[in-house]
């Protein structure tokens, strides 16, 4: 779905896991995990970042939720991602 466009923007982008579609608030959700390399002039080498993408179908529109973390930097947010996902309410 949005993988192609994302792969054109993020260096080293690769999908690592796809999940079966599921329902939240009566809306269909798609989810995948991926990795990419983050580069910035203030860091000496590219940083591996994990990206979880949630895509919702709602009222003939798609909504993307992008959650980033970096195990390499010990910046983990798995619990926060799960809590966020459980909090989604689309009306």
PDB file of N, CA and C in Angstrom:
ATOM      1  N   UNK A   1       0.830  -1.184   0.000  1.00  0.00           N
ATOM      2  CA  UNK A   1       0.000   0.000   0.000  1.00  0.00           C
ATOM      3  C   UNK A   1       0.877   1.251   0.000  1.00  0.00           C
ATOM      4  N   UNK A   2       1.379   1.665   1.159  1.00  0.00           N
ATOM      5  CA  UNK A   2       2.238   2.849   1.181  1.00  0.00           C
ATOM      6  C   UNK A   2       3.702   2.472   1.165  1.00  0.00           C
ATOM      7  N   UNK A   3       3.994   1.202   1.067  1.00  0.00           N
ATOM      8  CA  UNK A   3       5.382   0.736   1.116  1.00  0.00           C
ATOM      9  C   UNK A   3       6.222   1.309  -0.015  1.00  0.00           C
ATOM     10  N   UNK A   4       5.674   1.366  -1.207  1.00  0.00           N
ATOM     11  CA  UNK A   4       6.449   1.837  -2.346  1.00  0.00           C
ATOM     12  C   UNK A   4       6.888   3.286  -2.139  1.00  0.00           C
ATOM     13  N   UNK A   5       5.948   4.149  -1.789  1.00  0.00           N
ATOM     14  CA  UNK A   5       6.283   5.554  -1.578  1.00  0.00           C
ATOM     15  C   UNK A   5       7.274   5.746  -0.449  1.00  0.00           C
ATOM     16  N   UNK A   6       7.080   5.009   0.629  1.00  0.00           N
ATOM     17  CA  UNK A   6       7.987   5.104   1.774  1.00  0.00           C
ATOM     18  C   UNK A   6       9.390   4.653   1.382  1.00  0.00           C
ATOM     19  N   UNK A   7       9.475   3.599   0.574  1.00  0.00           N
ATOM     20  CA  UNK A   7      10.785   3.088   0.163  1.00  0.00           C
ATOM     21  C   UNK A   7      11.543   4.093  -0.696  1.00  0.00           C
ATOM     22  N   UNK A   8      10.836   4.996  -1.352  1.00  0.00           N
ATOM     23  CA  UNK A   8      11.476   6.015  -2.186  1.00  0.00           C
ATOM     24  C   UNK A   8      12.028   7.162  -1.335  1.00  0.00           C
ATOM     25  N   UNK A   9      11.526   7.298  -0.105  1.00  0.00           N
ATOM     26  CA  UNK A   9      11.928   8.403   0.760  1.00  0.00           C
ATOM     27  C   UNK A   9      12.971   8.031   1.804  1.00  0.00           C
ATOM     28  N   UNK A  10      12.935   6.788   2.278  1.00  0.00           N
ATOM     29  CA  UNK A  10      13.790   6.378   3.384  1.00  0.00           C
ATOM     30  C   UNK A  10      14.909   5.461   2.904  1.00  0.00           C
ATOM     31  N   UNK A  11      16.134   5.802   3.241  1.00  0.00           N
ATOM     32  CA  UNK A  11      17.296   5.035   2.818  1.00  0.00           C
ATOM     33  C   UNK A  11      17.292   3.647   3.470  1.00  0.00           C
ATOM     34  N   UNK A  12      17.534   2.628   2.678  1.00  0.00           N
ATOM     35  CA  UNK A  12      17.636   1.268   3.195  1.00  0.00           C
ATOM     36  C   UNK A  12      16.320   0.697   3.682  1.00  0.00           C
ATOM     37  N   UNK A  13      15.206   1.257   3.248  1.00  0.00           N
ATOM     38  CA  UNK A  13      13.889   0.813   3.719  1.00  0.00           C
ATOM     39  C   UNK A  13      13.633  -0.635   3.320  1.00  0.00           C
ATOM     40  N   UNK A  14      13.176  -1.423   4.300  1.00  0.00           N
ATOM     41  CA  UNK A  14      12.858  -2.825   4.046  1.00  0.00           C
ATOM     42  C   UNK A  14      11.732  -3.263   4.984  1.00  0.00           C
ATOM     43  N   UNK A  15      10.685  -3.882   4.430  1.00  0.00           N
ATOM     44  CA  UNK A  15       9.610  -4.432   5.253  1.00  0.00           C
ATOM     45  C   UNK A  15      10.117  -5.725   5.878  1.00  0.00           C
ATOM     46  N   UNK A  16       9.948  -5.839   7.197  1.00  0.00           N
ATOM     47  CA  UNK A  16      10.422  -7.024   7.910  1.00  0.00           C
ATOM     48  C   UNK A  16       9.290  -7.953   8.333  1.00  0.00           C
ATOM     49  N   UNK A  17       8.067  -7.417   8.441  1.00  0.00           N
ATOM     50  CA  UNK A  17       6.927  -8.259   8.827  1.00  0.00           C
ATOM     51  C   UNK A  17       5.625  -7.592   8.399  1.00  0.00           C
ATOM     52  N   UNK A  18       4.730  -8.396   7.839  1.00  0.00           N
ATOM     53  CA  UNK A  18       3.382  -7.940   7.499  1.00  0.00           C
ATOM     54  C   UNK A  18       2.388  -8.708   8.367  1.00  0.00           C
ATOM     55  N   UNK A  19       1.369  -8.024   8.824  1.00  0.00           N
ATOM     56  CA  UNK A  19       0.335  -8.637   9.660  1.00  0.00           C
ATOM     57  C   UNK A  19      -0.944  -8.807   8.853  1.00  0.00           C
ATOM     58  N   UNK A  20      -1.775  -9.741   9.269  1.00  0.00           N
ATOM     59  CA  UNK A  20      -3.082  -9.906   8.637  1.00  0.00           C
ATOM     60  C   UNK A  20      -3.936  -8.679   8.974  1.00  0.00           C
ATOM     61  N   UNK A  21      -4.779  -8.218   8.038  1.00  0.00           N
ATOM     62  CA  UNK A  21      -5.672  -7.087   8.334  1.00  0.00           C
ATOM     63  C   UNK A  21      -6.572  -7.410   9.534  1.00  0.00           C
ATOM     64  N   UNK A  22      -6.940  -6.381  10.278  1.00  0.00           N
ATOM     65  CA  UNK A  22      -7.797  -6.551  11.451  1.00  0.00           C
ATOM     66  C   UNK A  22      -8.703  -5.337  11.588  1.00  0.00           C
ATOM     67  N   UNK A  23      -9.629  -5.391  12.538  1.00  0.00           N
ATOM     68  CA  UNK A  23     -10.616  -4.329  12.743  1.00  0.00           C
ATOM     69  C   UNK A  23     -10.366  -3.597  14.062  1.00  0.00           C
ATOM     70  N   UNK A  24     -10.479  -2.278  14.002  1.00  0.00           N
ATOM     71  CA  UNK A  24     -10.511  -1.423  15.190  1.00  0.00           C
ATOM     72  C   UNK A  24     -11.619  -0.411  14.932  1.00  0.00           C
ATOM     73  N   UNK A  25     -12.519  -0.247  15.881  1.00  0.00           N
ATOM     74  CA  UNK A  25     -13.639   0.706  15.745  1.00  0.00           C
ATOM     75  C   UNK A  25     -14.425   0.458  14.461  1.00  0.00           C
ATOM     76  N   UNK A  26     -14.518  -0.794  14.050  1.00  0.00           N
ATOM     77  CA  UNK A  26     -15.262  -1.118  12.837  1.00  0.00           C
ATOM     78  C   UNK A  26     -14.554  -0.748  11.554  1.00  0.00           C
ATOM     79  N   UNK A  27     -13.278  -0.361  11.627  1.00  0.00           N
ATOM     80  CA  UNK A  27     -12.494   0.027  10.452  1.00  0.00           C
ATOM     81  C   UNK A  27     -11.412  -1.007  10.201  1.00  0.00           C
ATOM     82  N   UNK A  28     -11.133  -1.236   8.932  1.00  0.00           N
ATOM     83  CA  UNK A  28     -10.086  -2.186   8.563  1.00  0.00           C
ATOM     84  C   UNK A  28      -8.716  -1.533   8.713  1.00  0.00           C
ATOM     85  N   UNK A  29      -7.797  -2.256   9.369  1.00  0.00           N
ATOM     86  CA  UNK A  29      -6.432  -1.791   9.576  1.00  0.00           C
ATOM     87  C   UNK A  29      -5.448  -2.750   8.931  1.00  0.00           C
ATOM     88  N   UNK A  30      -4.398  -2.178   8.374  1.00  0.00           N
ATOM     89  CA  UNK A  30      -3.274  -2.936   7.836  1.00  0.00           C
ATOM     90  C   UNK A  30      -2.060  -2.513   8.651  1.00  0.00           C
ATOM     91  N   UNK A  31      -1.142  -3.436   8.859  1.00  0.00           N
ATOM     92  CA  UNK A  31       0.028  -3.133   9.685  1.00  0.00           C
ATOM     93  C   UNK A  31       1.256  -3.832   9.116  1.00  0.00           C
ATOM     94  N   UNK A  32       2.375  -3.122   9.155  1.00  0.00           N
ATOM     95  CA  UNK A  32       3.640  -3.772   8.820  1.00  0.00           C
ATOM     96  C   UNK A  32       4.774  -3.141   9.612  1.00  0.00           C
ATOM     97  N   UNK A  33       5.815  -3.924   9.828  1.00  0.00           N
ATOM     98  CA  UNK A  33       7.044  -3.474  10.481  1.00  0.00           C
ATOM     99  C   UNK A  33       8.114  -3.343   9.404  1.00  0.00           C
ATOM    100  N   UNK A  34       9.000  -2.390   9.602  1.00  0.00           N
ATOM    101  CA  UNK A  34      10.074  -2.179   8.635  1.00  0.00           C
ATOM    102  C   UNK A  34      11.274  -1.549   9.337  1.00  0.00           C
ATOM    103  N   UNK A  35      12.362  -1.431   8.594  1.00  0.00           N
ATOM    104  CA  UNK A  35      13.564  -0.756   9.083  1.00  0.00           C
ATOM    105  C   UNK A  35      14.052   0.202   7.999  1.00  0.00           C
ATOM    106  N   UNK A  36      14.800   1.211   8.426  1.00  0.00           N
ATOM    107  CA  UNK A  36      15.442   2.130   7.490  1.00  0.00           C
ATOM    108  C   UNK A  36      16.646   2.748   8.179  1.00  0.00           C
ATOM    109  N   UNK A  37      17.445   3.460   7.427  1.00  0.00           N
ATOM    110  CA  UNK A  37      18.625   4.133   7.966  1.00  0.00           C
ATOM    111  C   UNK A  37      18.368   5.630   8.047  1.00  0.00           C
ATOM    112  N   UNK A  38      18.556   6.187   9.240  1.00  0.00           N
ATOM    113  CA  UNK A  38      18.392   7.619   9.467  1.00  0.00           C
ATOM    114  C   UNK A  38      19.768   8.271   9.407  1.00  0.00           C
ATOM    115  N   UNK A  39      19.880   9.319   8.610  1.00  0.00           N
ATOM    116  CA  UNK A  39      21.136  10.045   8.480  1.00  0.00           C
ATOM    117  C   UNK A  39      20.927  11.503   8.883  1.00  0.00           C
ATOM    118  N   UNK A  40      21.929  12.031   9.575  1.00  0.00           N
ATOM    119  CA  UNK A  40      21.887  13.432   9.988  1.00  0.00           C
ATOM    120  C   UNK A  40      23.325  13.920  10.119  1.00  0.00           C
ATOM    121  N   UNK A  41      23.539  15.180   9.835  1.00  0.00           N
ATOM    122  CA  UNK A  41      24.905  15.714   9.878  1.00  0.00           C
ATOM    123  C   UNK A  41      25.504  15.652  11.281  1.00  0.00           C
ATOM    124  N   UNK A  42      24.679  15.561  12.318  1.00  0.00           N
ATOM    125  CA  UNK A  42      25.185  15.535  13.693  1.00  0.00           C
ATOM    126  C   UNK A  42      25.467  14.130  14.221  1.00  0.00           C
ATOM    127  N   UNK A  43      25.216  13.102  13.422  1.00  0.00           N
ATOM    128  CA  UNK A  43      25.560  11.746  13.862  1.00  0.00           C
ATOM    129  C   UNK A  43      26.584  11.166  12.889  1.00  0.00           C
ATOM    130  N   UNK A  44      27.593  10.452  13.419  1.00  0.00           N
ATOM    131  CA  UNK A  44      28.722  10.022  12.595  1.00  0.00           C
ATOM    132  C   UNK A  44      28.402   8.950  11.551  1.00  0.00           C
ATOM    133  N   UNK A  45      27.422   8.103  11.815  1.00  0.00           N
ATOM    134  CA  UNK A  45      27.085   7.049  10.841  1.00  0.00           C
ATOM    135  C   UNK A  45      25.567   6.867  10.825  1.00  0.00           C
ATOM    136  N   UNK A  46      25.038   6.292   9.749  1.00  0.00           N
ATOM    137  CA  UNK A  46      23.590   6.074   9.674  1.00  0.00           C
ATOM    138  C   UNK A  46      23.099   5.232  10.849  1.00  0.00           C
ATOM    139  N   UNK A  47      21.913   5.567  11.335  1.00  0.00           N
ATOM    140  CA  UNK A  47      21.312   4.914  12.485  1.00  0.00           C
ATOM    141  C   UNK A  47      20.150   4.036  12.030  1.00  0.00           C
ATOM    142  N   UNK A  48      20.161   2.773  12.410  1.00  0.00           N
ATOM    143  CA  UNK A  48      19.065   1.874  12.059  1.00  0.00           C
ATOM    144  C   UNK A  48      17.845   2.214  12.917  1.00  0.00           C
ATOM    145  N   UNK A  49      16.710   2.403  12.252  1.00  0.00           N
ATOM    146  CA  UNK A  49      15.460   2.756  12.913  1.00  0.00           C
ATOM    147  C   UNK A  49      14.395   1.745  12.528  1.00  0.00           C
ATOM    148  N   UNK A  50      13.574   1.366  13.502  1.00  0.00           N
ATOM    149  CA  UNK A  50      12.439   0.480  13.244  1.00  0.00           C
ATOM    150  C   UNK A  50      11.189   1.347  13.076  1.00  0.00           C
ATOM    151  N   UNK A  51      10.393   1.009  12.080  1.00  0.00           N
ATOM    152  CA  UNK A  51       9.172   1.751  11.774  1.00  0.00           C
ATOM    153  C   UNK A  51       7.999   0.780  11.740  1.00  0.00           C
ATOM    154  N   UNK A  52       6.985   1.059  12.554  1.00  0.00           N
ATOM    155  CA  UNK A  52       5.730   0.309  12.509  1.00  0.00           C
ATOM    156  C   UNK A  52       4.701   1.216  11.846  1.00  0.00           C
ATOM    157  N   UNK A  53       4.055   0.720  10.798  1.00  0.00           N
ATOM    158  CA  UNK A  53       3.050   1.494  10.085  1.00  0.00           C
ATOM    159  C   UNK A  53       1.690   0.847  10.301  1.00  0.00           C
ATOM    160  N   UNK A  54       0.730   1.665  10.717  1.00  0.00           N
ATOM    161  CA  UNK A  54      -0.670   1.259  10.799  1.00  0.00           C
ATOM    162  C   UNK A  54      -1.406   2.084   9.759  1.00  0.00           C
ATOM    163  N   UNK A  55      -2.189   1.430   8.926  1.00  0.00           N
ATOM    164  CA  UNK A  55      -2.966   2.132   7.908  1.00  0.00           C
ATOM    165  C   UNK A  55      -4.421   1.752   8.109  1.00  0.00           C
ATOM    166  N   UNK A  56      -5.277   2.768   8.265  1.00  0.00           N
ATOM    167  CA  UNK A  56      -6.702   2.546   8.504  1.00  0.00           C
ATOM    168  C   UNK A  56      -7.521   2.980   7.300  1.00  0.00           C
ATOM    169  N   UNK A  57      -8.523   2.169   6.948  1.00  0.00           N
ATOM    170  CA  UNK A  57      -9.531   2.538   5.948  1.00  0.00           C
ATOM    171  C   UNK A  57     -10.734   3.078   6.708  1.00  0.00           C
ATOM    172  N   UNK A  58     -11.119   4.325   6.423  1.00  0.00           N
ATOM    173  CA  UNK A  58     -12.249   4.924   7.140  1.00  0.00           C
ATOM    174  C   UNK A  58     -12.957   5.942   6.246  1.00  0.00           C
ATOM    175  N   UNK A  59     -14.233   5.733   6.003  1.00  0.00           N
ATOM    176  CA  UNK A  59     -15.041   6.658   5.191  1.00  0.00           C
ATOM    177  C   UNK A  59     -14.387   6.980   3.845  1.00  0.00           C
ATOM    178  N   UNK A  60     -13.914   5.952   3.166  1.00  0.00           N
ATOM    179  CA  UNK A  60     -13.282   6.076   1.848  1.00  0.00           C
ATOM    180  C   UNK A  60     -11.965   6.851   1.853  1.00  0.00           C
ATOM    181  N   UNK A  61     -11.328   6.959   2.993  1.00  0.00           N
ATOM    182  CA  UNK A  61     -10.008   7.576   3.116  1.00  0.00           C
ATOM    183  C   UNK A  61      -9.068   6.584   3.788  1.00  0.00           C
ATOM    184  N   UNK A  62      -7.764   6.813   3.621  1.00  0.00           N
ATOM    185  CA  UNK A  62      -6.750   6.030   4.328  1.00  0.00           C
ATOM    186  C   UNK A  62      -6.024   6.959   5.289  1.00  0.00           C
ATOM    187  N   UNK A  63      -5.783   6.479   6.497  1.00  0.00           N
ATOM    188  CA  UNK A  63      -5.042   7.225   7.506  1.00  0.00           C
ATOM    189  C   UNK A  63      -3.812   6.414   7.885  1.00  0.00           C
ATOM    190  N   UNK A  64      -2.651   7.043   7.869  1.00  0.00           N
ATOM    191  CA  UNK A  64      -1.399   6.378   8.245  1.00  0.00           C
ATOM    192  C   UNK A  64      -0.977   6.832   9.636  1.00  0.00           C
ATOM    193  N   UNK A  65      -0.568   5.870  10.432  1.00  0.00           N
ATOM    194  CA  UNK A  65       0.030   6.130  11.738  1.00  0.00           C
ATOM    195  C   UNK A  65       1.422   5.510  11.700  1.00  0.00           C
ATOM    196  N   UNK A  66       2.448   6.320  11.875  1.00  0.00           N
ATOM    197  CA  UNK A  66       3.834   5.848  11.795  1.00  0.00           C
ATOM    198  C   UNK A  66       4.486   5.945  13.163  1.00  0.00           C
ATOM    199  N   UNK A  67       5.003   4.827  13.643  1.00  0.00           N
ATOM    200  CA  UNK A  67       5.629   4.755  14.960  1.00  0.00           C
ATOM    201  C   UNK A  67       7.091   4.359  14.778  1.00  0.00           C
ATOM    202  N   UNK A  68       7.995   5.202  15.253  1.00  0.00           N
ATOM    203  CA  UNK A  68       9.431   4.988  15.070  1.00  0.00           C
ATOM    204  C   UNK A  68      10.103   4.693  16.407  1.00  0.00           C
ATOM    205  N   UNK A  69      11.102   3.820  16.371  1.00  0.00           N
ATOM    206  CA  UNK A  69      11.956   3.565  17.526  1.00  0.00           C
ATOM    207  C   UNK A  69      13.319   3.128  17.022  1.00  0.00           C
ATOM    208  N   UNK A  70      14.310   3.140  17.912  1.00  0.00           N
ATOM    209  CA  UNK A  70      15.646   2.692  17.519  1.00  0.00           C
ATOM    210  C   UNK A  70      16.246   1.831  18.620  1.00  0.00           C
ATOM    211  N   UNK A  71      16.291   0.534  18.371  1.00  0.00           N
ATOM    212  CA  UNK A  71      16.931  -0.388  19.319  1.00  0.00           C
ATOM    213  C   UNK A  71      18.415  -0.064  19.423  1.00  0.00           C
ATOM    214  N   UNK A  72      18.993   0.358  18.304  1.00  0.00           N
ATOM    215  CA  UNK A  72      20.415   0.708  18.261  1.00  0.00           C
ATOM    216  C   UNK A  72      20.755   1.833  19.233  1.00  0.00           C
ATOM    217  N   UNK A  73      19.814   2.740  19.452  1.00  0.00           N
ATOM    218  CA  UNK A  73      19.992   3.869  20.370  1.00  0.00           C
ATOM    219  C   UNK A  73      19.366   3.586  21.733  1.00  0.00           C
ATOM    220  N   UNK A  74      18.870   2.365  21.918  1.00  0.00           N
ATOM    221  CA  UNK A  74      18.163   1.973  23.141  1.00  0.00           C
ATOM    222  C   UNK A  74      16.948   2.870  23.393  1.00  0.00           C
ATOM    223  N   UNK A  75      16.293   3.265  22.327  1.00  0.00           N
ATOM    224  CA  UNK A  75      15.075   4.077  22.397  1.00  0.00           C
ATOM    225  C   UNK A  75      13.913   3.190  21.960  1.00  0.00           C
ATOM    226  N   UNK A  76      13.382   2.430  22.904  1.00  0.00           N
ATOM    227  CA  UNK A  76      12.326   1.464  22.614  1.00  0.00           C
ATOM    228  C   UNK A  76      10.968   2.023  23.003  1.00  0.00           C
ATOM    229  N   UNK A  77       9.966   1.696  22.199  1.00  0.00           N
ATOM    230  CA  UNK A  77       8.627   2.213  22.456  1.00  0.00           C
ATOM    231  C   UNK A  77       7.549   1.159  22.185  1.00  0.00           C
ATOM    232  N   UNK A  78       7.873  -0.104  22.344  1.00  0.00           N
ATOM    233  CA  UNK A  78       6.922  -1.185  22.048  1.00  0.00           C
ATOM    234  C   UNK A  78       5.653  -1.044  22.884  1.00  0.00           C
ATOM    235  N   UNK A  79       5.805  -0.805  24.182  1.00  0.00           N
ATOM    236  CA  UNK A  79       4.636  -0.655  25.058  1.00  0.00           C
ATOM    237  C   UNK A  79       3.792   0.544  24.641  1.00  0.00           C
ATOM    238  N   UNK A  80       4.474   1.641  24.320  1.00  0.00           N
ATOM    239  CA  UNK A  80       3.761   2.853  23.899  1.00  0.00           C
ATOM    240  C   UNK A  80       3.009   2.620  22.591  1.00  0.00           C
ATOM    241  N   UNK A  81       3.632   1.881  21.653  1.00  0.00           N
ATOM    242  CA  UNK A  81       2.963   1.573  20.387  1.00  0.00           C
ATOM    243  C   UNK A  81       1.693   0.769  20.651  1.00  0.00           C
ATOM    244  N   UNK A  82       1.801  -0.262  21.492  1.00  0.00           N
ATOM    245  CA  UNK A  82       0.638  -1.102  21.799  1.00  0.00           C
ATOM    246  C   UNK A  82      -0.462  -0.296  22.487  1.00  0.00           C
ATOM    247  N   UNK A  83      -0.068   0.534  23.431  1.00  0.00           N
ATOM    248  CA  UNK A  83      -1.046   1.383  24.135  1.00  0.00           C
ATOM    249  C   UNK A  83      -1.734   2.333  23.151  1.00  0.00           C
ATOM    250  N   UNK A  84      -0.946   2.930  22.265  1.00  0.00           N
ATOM    251  CA  UNK A  84      -1.516   3.825  21.256  1.00  0.00           C
ATOM    252  C   UNK A  84      -2.517   3.093  20.382  1.00  0.00           C
ATOM    253  N   UNK A  85      -2.132   1.900  19.906  1.00  0.00           N
ATOM    254  CA  UNK A  85      -3.015   1.130  19.018  1.00  0.00           C
ATOM    255  C   UNK A  85      -4.342   0.819  19.708  1.00  0.00           C
ATOM    256  N   UNK A  86      -4.285   0.466  20.972  1.00  0.00           N
ATOM    257  CA  UNK A  86      -5.514   0.164  21.731  1.00  0.00           C
ATOM    258  C   UNK A  86      -6.371   1.399  21.974  1.00  0.00           C
ATOM    259  N   UNK A  87      -5.774   2.588  21.876  1.00  0.00           N
ATOM    260  CA  UNK A  87      -6.516   3.811  22.141  1.00  0.00           C
ATOM    261  C   UNK A  87      -7.224   4.385  20.908  1.00  0.00           C
ATOM    262  N   UNK A  88      -6.961   3.824  19.729  1.00  0.00           N
ATOM    263  CA  UNK A  88      -7.517   4.390  18.495  1.00  0.00           C
ATOM    264  C   UNK A  88      -9.035   4.216  18.462  1.00  0.00           C
ATOM    265  N   UNK A  89      -9.724   5.309  18.193  1.00  0.00           N
ATOM    266  CA  UNK A  89     -11.184   5.325  18.036  1.00  0.00           C
ATOM    267  C   UNK A  89     -11.508   6.170  16.811  1.00  0.00           C
ATOM    268  N   UNK A  90     -12.024   5.572  15.775  1.00  0.00           N
ATOM    269  CA  UNK A  90     -12.431   6.310  14.578  1.00  0.00           C
ATOM    270  C   UNK A  90     -13.955   6.320  14.528  1.00  0.00           C
ATOM    271  N   UNK A  91     -14.530   7.482  14.360  1.00  0.00           N
ATOM    272  CA  UNK A  91     -15.994   7.604  14.328  1.00  0.00           C
ATOM    273  C   UNK A  91     -16.457   8.191  13.012  1.00  0.00           C
TER     274      UNK A  91
END
